């Protein structure tokens, strides 16, 4: 695992000449076709290694700092949305310490959350432990714990998985080892 903080720089818009067909300015207006696009807007998203929450590295062979390009995007209005995920407790039989990784935090069974009391009891204890973490909240419903995390690009890259002695006692959604659904997100560049 590596730690990284992703920052978004201000958008940069560049004028581009992209015409439907070749132009001939000597023919006046008829020699200048309509432009297909006139602008290119992008942002740089540099990663600051060693800072921020733990994230799953995209390429384990490249642990260094990198910069991504794109544009901050929203699916609806420009209102920040927190990342979400669910943890389902499948069993209450433990062979040893089992940890739940959530962003920069590690919650250990029988240290940070109690086991026993069935899957509903474990879910309730885990939800209470998650809600005590800064920036996170959780709600239990039977054996399912609904987790709300960080906002923005960083929220979609915060780790979200279990390991240790009995990680098979949990299933996570999404199954990508990170939370999902946070906005704003890093989207494609804008062509205008």
N, C-alpha and C. Protein backbone atom coordinates (compact mmCIF):
# COMPACT_ATOMS: atom_id res chain seq x y z
N UNK A 1 0.84 -1.17 0.00
CA UNK A 1 0.00 0.00 0.00
C UNK A 1 0.88 1.24 0.00
N UNK A 2 0.40 2.25 -0.60
CA UNK A 2 1.11 3.52 -0.57
C UNK A 2 0.14 4.59 -0.11
N UNK A 3 0.70 5.70 0.36
CA UNK A 3 -0.12 6.83 0.74
C UNK A 3 0.06 7.90 -0.33
N UNK A 4 -1.04 8.52 -0.70
CA UNK A 4 -0.91 9.63 -1.64
C UNK A 4 -2.07 10.58 -1.46
N UNK A 5 -1.78 11.83 -1.72
CA UNK A 5 -2.78 12.88 -1.69
C UNK A 5 -2.87 13.40 -3.12
N UNK A 6 -4.07 13.46 -3.66
CA UNK A 6 -4.25 13.91 -5.04
C UNK A 6 -4.82 15.32 -5.01
N UNK A 7 -4.14 16.22 -5.66
CA UNK A 7 -4.56 17.61 -5.71
C UNK A 7 -5.01 17.94 -7.14
N UNK A 8 -5.96 18.85 -7.27
CA UNK A 8 -6.40 19.29 -8.60
C UNK A 8 -5.93 20.72 -8.81
N UNK A 9 -5.18 20.95 -9.86
CA UNK A 9 -4.76 22.31 -10.18
C UNK A 9 -5.88 23.03 -10.92
N UNK A 10 -5.75 24.33 -11.09
CA UNK A 10 -6.77 25.10 -11.80
C UNK A 10 -6.87 24.64 -13.25
N UNK A 11 -8.08 24.71 -13.82
CA UNK A 11 -8.23 24.33 -15.24
C UNK A 11 -7.45 25.27 -16.15
N UNK A 12 -6.95 24.72 -17.24
CA UNK A 12 -6.22 25.48 -18.24
C UNK A 12 -6.92 25.29 -19.57
N UNK A 13 -7.33 26.38 -20.20
CA UNK A 13 -8.02 26.32 -21.49
C UNK A 13 -7.08 26.83 -22.57
N UNK A 14 -6.98 26.06 -23.65
CA UNK A 14 -6.13 26.40 -24.76
C UNK A 14 -6.99 26.49 -26.03
N UNK A 15 -6.72 27.48 -26.86
CA UNK A 15 -7.42 27.60 -28.14
C UNK A 15 -6.78 26.63 -29.13
N UNK A 16 -7.63 25.92 -29.88
CA UNK A 16 -7.13 24.99 -30.89
C UNK A 16 -7.82 25.26 -32.22
N UNK A 17 -7.11 25.05 -33.29
CA UNK A 17 -7.68 25.21 -34.63
C UNK A 17 -7.98 23.82 -35.17
N UNK A 18 -9.25 23.47 -35.19
CA UNK A 18 -9.65 22.15 -35.65
C UNK A 18 -10.84 22.34 -36.58
N UNK A 19 -10.58 22.36 -37.88
CA UNK A 19 -11.61 22.64 -38.88
C UNK A 19 -12.11 21.36 -39.54
N UNK A 20 -13.34 21.41 -40.09
CA UNK A 20 -13.94 20.25 -40.76
C UNK A 20 -13.15 19.85 -42.01
N UNK A 21 -12.63 20.79 -42.72
CA UNK A 21 -11.87 20.52 -43.94
C UNK A 21 -10.82 21.62 -44.09
N UNK A 22 -9.98 21.49 -45.07
CA UNK A 22 -8.95 22.50 -45.30
C UNK A 22 -9.55 23.87 -45.56
N UNK A 23 -8.81 24.90 -45.26
CA UNK A 23 -9.32 26.26 -45.47
C UNK A 23 -8.49 26.99 -46.51
N UNK A 24 -9.14 28.01 -47.11
CA UNK A 24 -8.47 28.87 -48.07
C UNK A 24 -8.96 30.29 -47.79
N UNK A 25 -8.26 31.04 -46.95
CA UNK A 25 -8.70 32.38 -46.57
C UNK A 25 -8.86 33.33 -47.76
N UNK A 26 -8.20 33.05 -48.89
CA UNK A 26 -8.31 33.94 -50.04
C UNK A 26 -9.71 33.88 -50.66
N UNK A 27 -10.52 32.85 -50.32
CA UNK A 27 -11.88 32.72 -50.87
C UNK A 27 -12.91 33.39 -49.98
N UNK A 28 -12.47 34.11 -48.95
CA UNK A 28 -13.41 34.81 -48.07
C UNK A 28 -14.08 33.84 -47.11
N UNK A 29 -15.36 34.12 -46.78
CA UNK A 29 -16.10 33.30 -45.83
C UNK A 29 -16.26 31.87 -46.33
N UNK A 30 -16.47 31.68 -47.63
CA UNK A 30 -16.66 30.35 -48.20
C UNK A 30 -15.41 29.49 -48.07
N UNK A 31 -14.24 30.09 -47.94
CA UNK A 31 -13.00 29.34 -47.84
C UNK A 31 -12.64 28.95 -46.41
N UNK A 32 -13.46 29.39 -45.46
CA UNK A 32 -13.20 29.06 -44.06
C UNK A 32 -14.33 28.20 -43.51
N UNK A 33 -14.14 26.89 -43.39
CA UNK A 33 -15.19 26.01 -42.90
C UNK A 33 -15.44 26.21 -41.40
N UNK A 34 -16.58 25.67 -40.95
CA UNK A 34 -16.92 25.75 -39.53
C UNK A 34 -15.90 24.96 -38.71
N UNK A 35 -15.53 25.48 -37.55
CA UNK A 35 -14.61 24.73 -36.69
C UNK A 35 -15.32 23.55 -36.01
N UNK A 36 -14.63 22.43 -35.88
CA UNK A 36 -15.16 21.27 -35.17
C UNK A 36 -15.06 21.51 -33.67
N UNK A 37 -13.94 22.02 -33.24
CA UNK A 37 -13.76 22.41 -31.84
C UNK A 37 -12.82 23.60 -31.79
N UNK A 38 -12.96 24.38 -30.74
CA UNK A 38 -12.16 25.59 -30.64
C UNK A 38 -11.33 25.65 -29.36
N UNK A 39 -11.69 24.85 -28.34
CA UNK A 39 -10.94 24.90 -27.08
C UNK A 39 -10.64 23.50 -26.58
N UNK A 40 -9.63 23.44 -25.75
CA UNK A 40 -9.21 22.21 -25.07
C UNK A 40 -8.95 22.62 -23.62
N UNK A 41 -9.74 22.07 -22.67
CA UNK A 41 -9.61 22.43 -21.27
C UNK A 41 -9.22 21.20 -20.47
N UNK A 42 -8.16 21.33 -19.70
CA UNK A 42 -7.71 20.20 -18.88
C UNK A 42 -7.19 20.71 -17.54
N UNK A 43 -6.98 19.77 -16.64
CA UNK A 43 -6.41 20.05 -15.34
C UNK A 43 -5.37 18.98 -15.06
N UNK A 44 -4.39 19.32 -14.27
CA UNK A 44 -3.41 18.35 -13.82
C UNK A 44 -3.77 17.92 -12.41
N UNK A 45 -3.63 16.63 -12.13
CA UNK A 45 -3.91 16.06 -10.82
C UNK A 45 -2.62 15.42 -10.30
N UNK A 46 -1.73 16.22 -9.69
CA UNK A 46 -0.50 15.62 -9.18
C UNK A 46 -0.74 14.85 -7.90
N UNK A 47 0.00 13.76 -7.74
CA UNK A 47 -0.06 12.95 -6.53
C UNK A 47 1.12 13.35 -5.64
N UNK A 48 0.84 13.55 -4.38
CA UNK A 48 1.89 13.83 -3.42
C UNK A 48 2.12 12.57 -2.61
N UNK A 49 3.19 11.86 -2.90
CA UNK A 49 3.46 10.60 -2.25
C UNK A 49 3.74 10.75 -0.77
N UNK A 50 3.34 9.73 0.01
CA UNK A 50 3.60 9.73 1.44
C UNK A 50 2.65 10.56 2.26
N UNK A 51 1.67 11.21 1.63
CA UNK A 51 0.69 12.03 2.34
C UNK A 51 -0.70 11.59 1.94
N UNK A 52 -1.69 11.84 2.79
CA UNK A 52 -3.06 11.48 2.48
C UNK A 52 -3.37 10.06 2.89
N UNK A 53 -4.54 9.55 2.49
CA UNK A 53 -4.94 8.20 2.89
C UNK A 53 -4.19 7.12 2.12
N UNK A 54 -4.20 5.91 2.67
CA UNK A 54 -3.59 4.79 1.96
C UNK A 54 -4.46 4.44 0.77
N UNK A 55 -3.84 4.15 -0.33
CA UNK A 55 -4.56 3.79 -1.55
C UNK A 55 -3.90 2.58 -2.18
N UNK A 56 -4.67 1.85 -2.98
CA UNK A 56 -4.12 0.74 -3.74
C UNK A 56 -3.36 1.34 -4.92
N UNK A 57 -2.06 1.05 -5.07
CA UNK A 57 -1.34 1.62 -6.20
C UNK A 57 -1.85 1.04 -7.51
N UNK A 58 -1.97 1.88 -8.53
CA UNK A 58 -2.46 1.43 -9.83
C UNK A 58 -1.48 0.45 -10.46
N UNK A 59 -0.21 0.70 -10.30
CA UNK A 59 0.81 -0.17 -10.85
C UNK A 59 1.88 -0.37 -9.78
N UNK A 60 1.94 -1.55 -9.15
CA UNK A 60 2.90 -1.75 -8.07
C UNK A 60 4.36 -1.58 -8.50
N UNK A 61 4.64 -1.68 -9.78
CA UNK A 61 6.01 -1.46 -10.25
C UNK A 61 6.35 0.01 -10.31
N UNK A 62 5.36 0.91 -10.15
CA UNK A 62 5.59 2.33 -10.24
C UNK A 62 5.13 3.02 -8.95
N UNK A 63 5.92 2.87 -7.88
CA UNK A 63 5.49 3.44 -6.60
C UNK A 63 5.72 4.94 -6.49
N UNK A 64 6.35 5.56 -7.48
CA UNK A 64 6.69 6.98 -7.39
C UNK A 64 5.51 7.89 -7.60
N UNK A 65 5.80 9.17 -7.53
CA UNK A 65 4.78 10.20 -7.70
C UNK A 65 4.48 10.35 -9.19
N UNK A 66 3.20 10.51 -9.52
CA UNK A 66 2.82 10.72 -10.91
C UNK A 66 1.79 11.84 -11.00
N UNK A 67 1.52 12.28 -12.21
CA UNK A 67 0.53 13.32 -12.45
C UNK A 67 -0.44 12.81 -13.50
N UNK A 68 -1.73 12.91 -13.20
CA UNK A 68 -2.77 12.51 -14.14
C UNK A 68 -3.35 13.76 -14.79
N UNK A 69 -3.94 13.59 -15.96
CA UNK A 69 -4.55 14.72 -16.65
C UNK A 69 -6.03 14.41 -16.86
N UNK A 70 -6.86 15.40 -16.81
CA UNK A 70 -8.29 15.23 -17.00
C UNK A 70 -8.99 16.54 -16.68
N UNK A 71 -10.19 16.43 -16.15
CA UNK A 71 -10.95 17.61 -15.75
C UNK A 71 -11.90 17.20 -14.65
N UNK A 72 -12.04 18.05 -13.64
CA UNK A 72 -12.96 17.76 -12.55
C UNK A 72 -14.36 17.67 -13.12
N UNK A 73 -15.06 16.57 -12.81
CA UNK A 73 -16.40 16.38 -13.35
C UNK A 73 -17.42 16.03 -12.29
N UNK A 74 -18.68 16.25 -12.61
CA UNK A 74 -19.82 15.91 -11.76
C UNK A 74 -20.86 15.22 -12.63
N UNK A 75 -21.61 14.28 -12.07
CA UNK A 75 -22.70 13.67 -12.83
C UNK A 75 -23.97 14.50 -12.72
N UNK A 76 -24.10 15.27 -11.64
CA UNK A 76 -25.27 16.14 -11.47
C UNK A 76 -24.78 17.56 -11.28
N UNK A 77 -25.31 18.25 -10.31
CA UNK A 77 -24.87 19.63 -10.08
C UNK A 77 -23.53 19.63 -9.35
N UNK A 78 -22.82 20.75 -9.37
CA UNK A 78 -21.51 20.78 -8.72
C UNK A 78 -21.60 20.83 -7.19
N UNK A 79 -22.12 19.75 -6.63
CA UNK A 79 -22.20 19.59 -5.18
C UNK A 79 -21.36 18.38 -4.82
N UNK A 80 -20.40 18.51 -3.90
CA UNK A 80 -19.58 17.35 -3.54
C UNK A 80 -20.42 16.19 -3.01
N UNK A 81 -20.05 14.98 -3.39
CA UNK A 81 -20.72 13.76 -2.96
C UNK A 81 -19.66 12.86 -2.33
N UNK A 82 -19.99 12.25 -1.21
CA UNK A 82 -19.04 11.37 -0.52
C UNK A 82 -19.00 9.99 -1.16
N UNK A 83 -17.85 9.34 -1.06
CA UNK A 83 -17.71 7.96 -1.53
C UNK A 83 -18.52 7.04 -0.61
N UNK A 84 -19.00 5.94 -1.17
CA UNK A 84 -19.80 5.00 -0.39
C UNK A 84 -19.36 3.57 -0.67
N UNK A 85 -19.80 2.69 0.19
CA UNK A 85 -19.56 1.26 0.02
C UNK A 85 -20.31 0.51 1.10
N UNK A 86 -20.39 -0.80 0.95
CA UNK A 86 -21.04 -1.63 1.97
C UNK A 86 -20.12 -2.78 2.36
N UNK A 87 -20.25 -3.16 3.62
CA UNK A 87 -19.55 -4.32 4.15
C UNK A 87 -20.63 -5.26 4.67
N UNK A 88 -20.64 -6.49 4.18
CA UNK A 88 -21.59 -7.49 4.66
C UNK A 88 -20.84 -8.49 5.52
N UNK A 89 -21.33 -8.68 6.75
CA UNK A 89 -20.73 -9.65 7.66
C UNK A 89 -21.36 -11.01 7.35
N UNK A 90 -20.54 -11.97 6.93
CA UNK A 90 -21.05 -13.28 6.52
C UNK A 90 -21.03 -14.31 7.64
N UNK A 91 -20.13 -14.14 8.60
CA UNK A 91 -20.00 -15.15 9.67
C UNK A 91 -19.45 -14.48 10.92
N UNK A 92 -19.69 -15.12 12.06
CA UNK A 92 -19.16 -14.65 13.33
C UNK A 92 -18.30 -15.74 13.95
N UNK A 93 -17.42 -16.33 13.15
CA UNK A 93 -16.47 -17.35 13.59
C UNK A 93 -15.08 -16.85 13.23
N UNK A 94 -14.24 -16.61 14.23
CA UNK A 94 -12.95 -15.95 14.02
C UNK A 94 -11.81 -16.89 14.40
N UNK A 95 -10.78 -16.94 13.56
CA UNK A 95 -9.61 -17.75 13.86
C UNK A 95 -8.47 -16.90 14.41
N UNK A 96 -8.62 -15.60 14.42
CA UNK A 96 -7.60 -14.68 14.90
C UNK A 96 -7.94 -13.26 14.52
N UNK A 97 -7.04 -12.33 14.78
CA UNK A 97 -7.30 -10.93 14.47
C UNK A 97 -7.58 -10.72 12.97
N UNK A 98 -8.64 -10.01 12.68
CA UNK A 98 -9.02 -9.68 11.31
C UNK A 98 -9.17 -8.17 11.23
N UNK A 99 -8.58 -7.58 10.21
CA UNK A 99 -8.58 -6.12 10.10
C UNK A 99 -9.43 -5.66 8.93
N UNK A 100 -10.07 -4.53 9.12
CA UNK A 100 -10.80 -3.83 8.07
C UNK A 100 -10.02 -2.56 7.77
N UNK A 101 -9.61 -2.39 6.51
CA UNK A 101 -8.85 -1.21 6.09
C UNK A 101 -9.82 -0.22 5.46
N UNK A 102 -9.78 1.01 5.94
CA UNK A 102 -10.68 2.06 5.47
C UNK A 102 -9.89 3.35 5.39
N UNK A 103 -9.46 3.71 4.17
CA UNK A 103 -8.61 4.89 4.01
C UNK A 103 -7.34 4.71 4.83
N UNK A 104 -6.97 5.68 5.65
CA UNK A 104 -5.74 5.56 6.43
C UNK A 104 -5.92 4.75 7.71
N UNK A 105 -7.11 4.23 7.98
CA UNK A 105 -7.41 3.56 9.24
C UNK A 105 -7.44 2.04 9.10
N UNK A 106 -7.07 1.37 10.18
CA UNK A 106 -7.12 -0.09 10.25
C UNK A 106 -7.88 -0.44 11.53
N UNK A 107 -9.00 -1.15 11.38
CA UNK A 107 -9.81 -1.57 12.51
C UNK A 107 -9.62 -3.07 12.72
N UNK A 108 -9.22 -3.47 13.94
CA UNK A 108 -8.90 -4.86 14.24
C UNK A 108 -9.99 -5.48 15.10
N UNK A 109 -10.37 -6.72 14.76
CA UNK A 109 -11.40 -7.43 15.52
C UNK A 109 -10.97 -7.61 16.97
N UNK A 110 -11.93 -7.49 17.87
CA UNK A 110 -11.75 -7.60 19.32
C UNK A 110 -10.78 -6.57 19.91
N UNK A 111 -10.40 -5.58 19.11
CA UNK A 111 -9.63 -4.43 19.61
C UNK A 111 -10.45 -3.17 19.34
N UNK A 112 -10.80 -2.95 18.05
CA UNK A 112 -11.56 -1.77 17.66
C UNK A 112 -13.05 -2.05 17.51
N UNK A 113 -13.40 -3.29 17.21
CA UNK A 113 -14.82 -3.68 17.13
C UNK A 113 -14.96 -5.07 17.73
N UNK A 114 -16.09 -5.27 18.42
CA UNK A 114 -16.31 -6.54 19.14
C UNK A 114 -16.85 -7.60 18.20
N UNK A 115 -16.47 -8.83 18.45
CA UNK A 115 -17.04 -9.97 17.74
C UNK A 115 -17.96 -10.69 18.73
N UNK A 116 -18.77 -11.59 18.22
CA UNK A 116 -19.75 -12.27 19.06
C UNK A 116 -21.09 -11.59 18.90
N UNK A 117 -22.13 -12.28 19.24
CA UNK A 117 -23.46 -11.70 19.09
C UNK A 117 -24.04 -11.89 17.71
N UNK A 118 -23.43 -12.76 16.91
CA UNK A 118 -23.94 -13.02 15.57
C UNK A 118 -23.49 -11.96 14.58
N UNK A 119 -23.88 -12.17 13.32
CA UNK A 119 -23.45 -11.24 12.26
C UNK A 119 -24.03 -9.85 12.47
N UNK A 120 -25.23 -9.75 13.03
CA UNK A 120 -25.82 -8.44 13.31
C UNK A 120 -25.06 -7.70 14.40
N UNK A 121 -24.60 -8.43 15.41
CA UNK A 121 -23.82 -7.81 16.48
C UNK A 121 -22.47 -7.31 15.98
N UNK A 122 -21.81 -8.09 15.13
CA UNK A 122 -20.53 -7.66 14.56
C UNK A 122 -20.75 -6.44 13.67
N UNK A 123 -21.82 -6.45 12.86
CA UNK A 123 -22.11 -5.31 11.98
C UNK A 123 -22.35 -4.04 12.79
N UNK A 124 -23.08 -4.15 13.89
CA UNK A 124 -23.36 -2.98 14.74
C UNK A 124 -22.07 -2.46 15.37
N UNK A 125 -21.22 -3.37 15.87
CA UNK A 125 -19.95 -2.96 16.48
C UNK A 125 -19.02 -2.33 15.45
N UNK A 126 -18.96 -2.91 14.25
CA UNK A 126 -18.11 -2.37 13.19
C UNK A 126 -18.59 -1.00 12.75
N UNK A 127 -19.91 -0.82 12.63
CA UNK A 127 -20.47 0.48 12.24
C UNK A 127 -20.12 1.54 13.28
N UNK A 128 -20.17 1.20 14.57
CA UNK A 128 -19.83 2.16 15.62
C UNK A 128 -18.36 2.54 15.54
N UNK A 129 -17.49 1.56 15.26
CA UNK A 129 -16.06 1.84 15.15
C UNK A 129 -15.76 2.73 13.95
N UNK A 130 -16.43 2.48 12.83
CA UNK A 130 -16.22 3.30 11.63
C UNK A 130 -16.73 4.72 11.86
N UNK A 131 -17.89 4.87 12.50
CA UNK A 131 -18.45 6.19 12.74
C UNK A 131 -17.58 7.03 13.68
N UNK A 132 -16.73 6.39 14.46
CA UNK A 132 -15.83 7.12 15.36
C UNK A 132 -14.60 7.67 14.62
N UNK A 133 -14.41 7.27 13.36
CA UNK A 133 -13.26 7.74 12.58
C UNK A 133 -13.56 9.10 11.95
N UNK A 134 -12.61 10.03 11.96
CA UNK A 134 -12.83 11.33 11.32
C UNK A 134 -13.06 11.18 9.82
N UNK A 135 -14.11 11.78 9.30
CA UNK A 135 -14.41 11.75 7.86
C UNK A 135 -15.22 10.57 7.40
N UNK A 136 -15.56 9.64 8.29
CA UNK A 136 -16.31 8.44 7.91
C UNK A 136 -17.53 8.28 8.80
N UNK A 137 -18.57 7.65 8.26
CA UNK A 137 -19.74 7.30 9.05
C UNK A 137 -20.28 5.97 8.52
N UNK A 138 -21.01 5.27 9.38
CA UNK A 138 -21.55 3.96 8.98
C UNK A 138 -22.87 3.71 9.68
N UNK A 139 -23.74 2.97 8.98
CA UNK A 139 -25.05 2.62 9.51
C UNK A 139 -25.26 1.12 9.34
N UNK A 140 -25.56 0.39 10.43
CA UNK A 140 -25.82 -1.04 10.29
C UNK A 140 -27.29 -1.31 9.96
N UNK A 141 -27.53 -2.36 9.20
CA UNK A 141 -28.89 -2.84 8.91
C UNK A 141 -28.78 -4.35 8.80
N UNK A 142 -29.03 -5.03 9.91
CA UNK A 142 -28.83 -6.47 9.94
C UNK A 142 -27.35 -6.77 9.85
N UNK A 143 -26.95 -7.56 8.86
CA UNK A 143 -25.55 -7.92 8.68
C UNK A 143 -24.81 -6.97 7.75
N UNK A 144 -25.48 -5.95 7.23
CA UNK A 144 -24.89 -5.04 6.23
C UNK A 144 -24.55 -3.71 6.90
N UNK A 145 -23.33 -3.23 6.65
CA UNK A 145 -22.88 -1.94 7.15
C UNK A 145 -22.71 -1.02 5.94
N UNK A 146 -23.49 0.07 5.89
CA UNK A 146 -23.37 1.06 4.82
C UNK A 146 -22.39 2.12 5.27
N UNK A 147 -21.32 2.32 4.50
CA UNK A 147 -20.23 3.22 4.88
C UNK A 147 -20.22 4.43 3.96
N UNK A 148 -20.05 5.61 4.55
CA UNK A 148 -19.90 6.86 3.81
C UNK A 148 -18.52 7.40 4.13
N UNK A 149 -17.76 7.79 3.09
CA UNK A 149 -16.38 8.21 3.28
C UNK A 149 -16.10 9.62 2.85
N UNK A 150 -14.94 9.80 2.25
CA UNK A 150 -14.44 11.11 1.87
C UNK A 150 -15.10 11.63 0.59
N UNK A 151 -15.03 12.93 0.39
CA UNK A 151 -15.54 13.58 -0.81
C UNK A 151 -14.44 13.68 -1.86
N UNK A 152 -14.84 13.77 -3.11
CA UNK A 152 -13.92 14.11 -4.18
C UNK A 152 -13.04 12.98 -4.67
N UNK A 153 -12.05 13.37 -5.46
CA UNK A 153 -11.15 12.42 -6.12
C UNK A 153 -10.52 11.49 -5.10
N UNK A 154 -10.14 12.02 -3.94
CA UNK A 154 -9.49 11.21 -2.92
C UNK A 154 -10.44 10.13 -2.37
N UNK A 155 -11.75 10.43 -2.31
CA UNK A 155 -12.71 9.46 -1.79
C UNK A 155 -12.79 8.20 -2.61
N UNK A 156 -12.65 8.31 -3.92
CA UNK A 156 -12.73 7.14 -4.80
C UNK A 156 -11.47 6.29 -4.77
N UNK A 157 -10.41 6.77 -4.12
CA UNK A 157 -9.17 6.02 -4.09
C UNK A 157 -8.79 5.55 -2.70
N UNK A 158 -9.65 5.80 -1.69
CA UNK A 158 -9.37 5.33 -0.33
C UNK A 158 -9.56 3.82 -0.26
N UNK A 159 -8.61 3.12 0.38
CA UNK A 159 -8.69 1.65 0.45
C UNK A 159 -9.92 1.22 1.23
N UNK A 160 -10.41 0.01 0.90
CA UNK A 160 -11.66 -0.51 1.46
C UNK A 160 -11.65 -2.02 1.29
N UNK A 161 -11.05 -2.74 2.27
CA UNK A 161 -10.94 -4.19 2.17
C UNK A 161 -10.61 -4.77 3.55
N UNK A 162 -10.61 -6.09 3.66
CA UNK A 162 -10.27 -6.78 4.91
C UNK A 162 -9.11 -7.73 4.67
N UNK A 163 -8.31 -7.94 5.72
CA UNK A 163 -7.29 -8.97 5.67
C UNK A 163 -7.05 -9.47 7.09
N UNK A 164 -6.06 -10.31 7.28
CA UNK A 164 -5.81 -10.90 8.58
C UNK A 164 -6.20 -12.37 8.57
N UNK A 165 -6.63 -12.88 9.73
CA UNK A 165 -6.92 -14.30 9.88
C UNK A 165 -8.18 -14.77 9.18
N UNK A 166 -9.26 -13.95 9.24
CA UNK A 166 -10.55 -14.40 8.71
C UNK A 166 -11.20 -13.33 7.84
N UNK A 167 -10.55 -12.88 6.76
CA UNK A 167 -11.16 -11.85 5.92
C UNK A 167 -12.39 -12.36 5.17
N UNK A 168 -12.53 -13.69 5.04
CA UNK A 168 -13.69 -14.25 4.34
C UNK A 168 -14.98 -14.04 5.11
N UNK A 169 -14.92 -13.52 6.34
CA UNK A 169 -16.13 -13.19 7.10
C UNK A 169 -16.82 -11.94 6.55
N UNK A 170 -16.18 -11.23 5.63
CA UNK A 170 -16.73 -10.00 5.07
C UNK A 170 -16.77 -10.07 3.55
N UNK A 171 -17.78 -9.41 2.96
CA UNK A 171 -17.73 -9.09 1.54
C UNK A 171 -17.89 -7.59 1.42
N UNK A 172 -17.20 -7.01 0.46
CA UNK A 172 -17.19 -5.57 0.26
C UNK A 172 -17.80 -5.23 -1.09
N UNK A 173 -18.53 -4.15 -1.14
CA UNK A 173 -19.03 -3.61 -2.40
C UNK A 173 -18.74 -2.12 -2.38
N UNK A 174 -18.03 -1.59 -3.35
CA UNK A 174 -17.53 -2.26 -4.54
C UNK A 174 -16.39 -3.23 -4.20
N UNK A 175 -16.10 -4.12 -5.13
CA UNK A 175 -15.10 -5.16 -4.92
C UNK A 175 -13.72 -4.75 -5.44
N UNK A 176 -13.51 -3.47 -5.68
CA UNK A 176 -12.27 -2.98 -6.27
C UNK A 176 -11.20 -2.64 -5.25
N UNK A 177 -11.43 -2.93 -3.96
CA UNK A 177 -10.53 -2.58 -2.86
C UNK A 177 -10.46 -1.09 -2.58
N UNK A 178 -11.35 -0.31 -3.20
CA UNK A 178 -11.47 1.11 -2.91
C UNK A 178 -12.96 1.46 -2.86
N UNK A 179 -13.27 2.58 -2.22
CA UNK A 179 -14.65 3.06 -2.21
C UNK A 179 -14.95 3.70 -3.56
N UNK A 180 -16.22 4.05 -3.82
CA UNK A 180 -16.59 4.61 -5.12
C UNK A 180 -17.75 5.59 -4.97
N UNK A 181 -18.03 6.32 -6.04
CA UNK A 181 -19.19 7.20 -6.11
C UNK A 181 -18.95 8.62 -5.66
N UNK A 182 -17.73 8.96 -5.25
CA UNK A 182 -17.46 10.31 -4.77
C UNK A 182 -17.42 11.30 -5.93
N UNK A 183 -17.84 12.52 -5.65
CA UNK A 183 -17.75 13.61 -6.62
C UNK A 183 -17.20 14.83 -5.92
N UNK A 184 -16.45 15.68 -6.59
CA UNK A 184 -16.12 15.59 -8.01
C UNK A 184 -15.15 14.45 -8.26
N UNK A 185 -15.16 13.98 -9.50
CA UNK A 185 -14.29 12.90 -9.91
C UNK A 185 -13.36 13.39 -11.00
N UNK A 186 -12.33 12.63 -11.26
CA UNK A 186 -11.40 12.98 -12.34
C UNK A 186 -11.98 12.44 -13.63
N UNK A 187 -12.46 13.33 -14.49
CA UNK A 187 -13.07 12.94 -15.76
C UNK A 187 -12.16 13.26 -16.93
N UNK A 188 -12.68 13.10 -18.15
CA UNK A 188 -11.87 13.38 -19.34
C UNK A 188 -11.70 14.88 -19.56
N UNK A 189 -10.75 15.23 -20.40
CA UNK A 189 -10.56 16.64 -20.77
C UNK A 189 -11.79 17.12 -21.51
N UNK A 190 -12.01 18.43 -21.53
CA UNK A 190 -13.16 19.01 -22.21
C UNK A 190 -12.76 19.59 -23.56
N UNK A 191 -13.48 19.19 -24.59
CA UNK A 191 -13.27 19.75 -25.92
C UNK A 191 -14.45 20.63 -26.23
N UNK A 192 -14.19 21.89 -26.58
CA UNK A 192 -15.30 22.82 -26.82
C UNK A 192 -15.26 23.42 -28.18
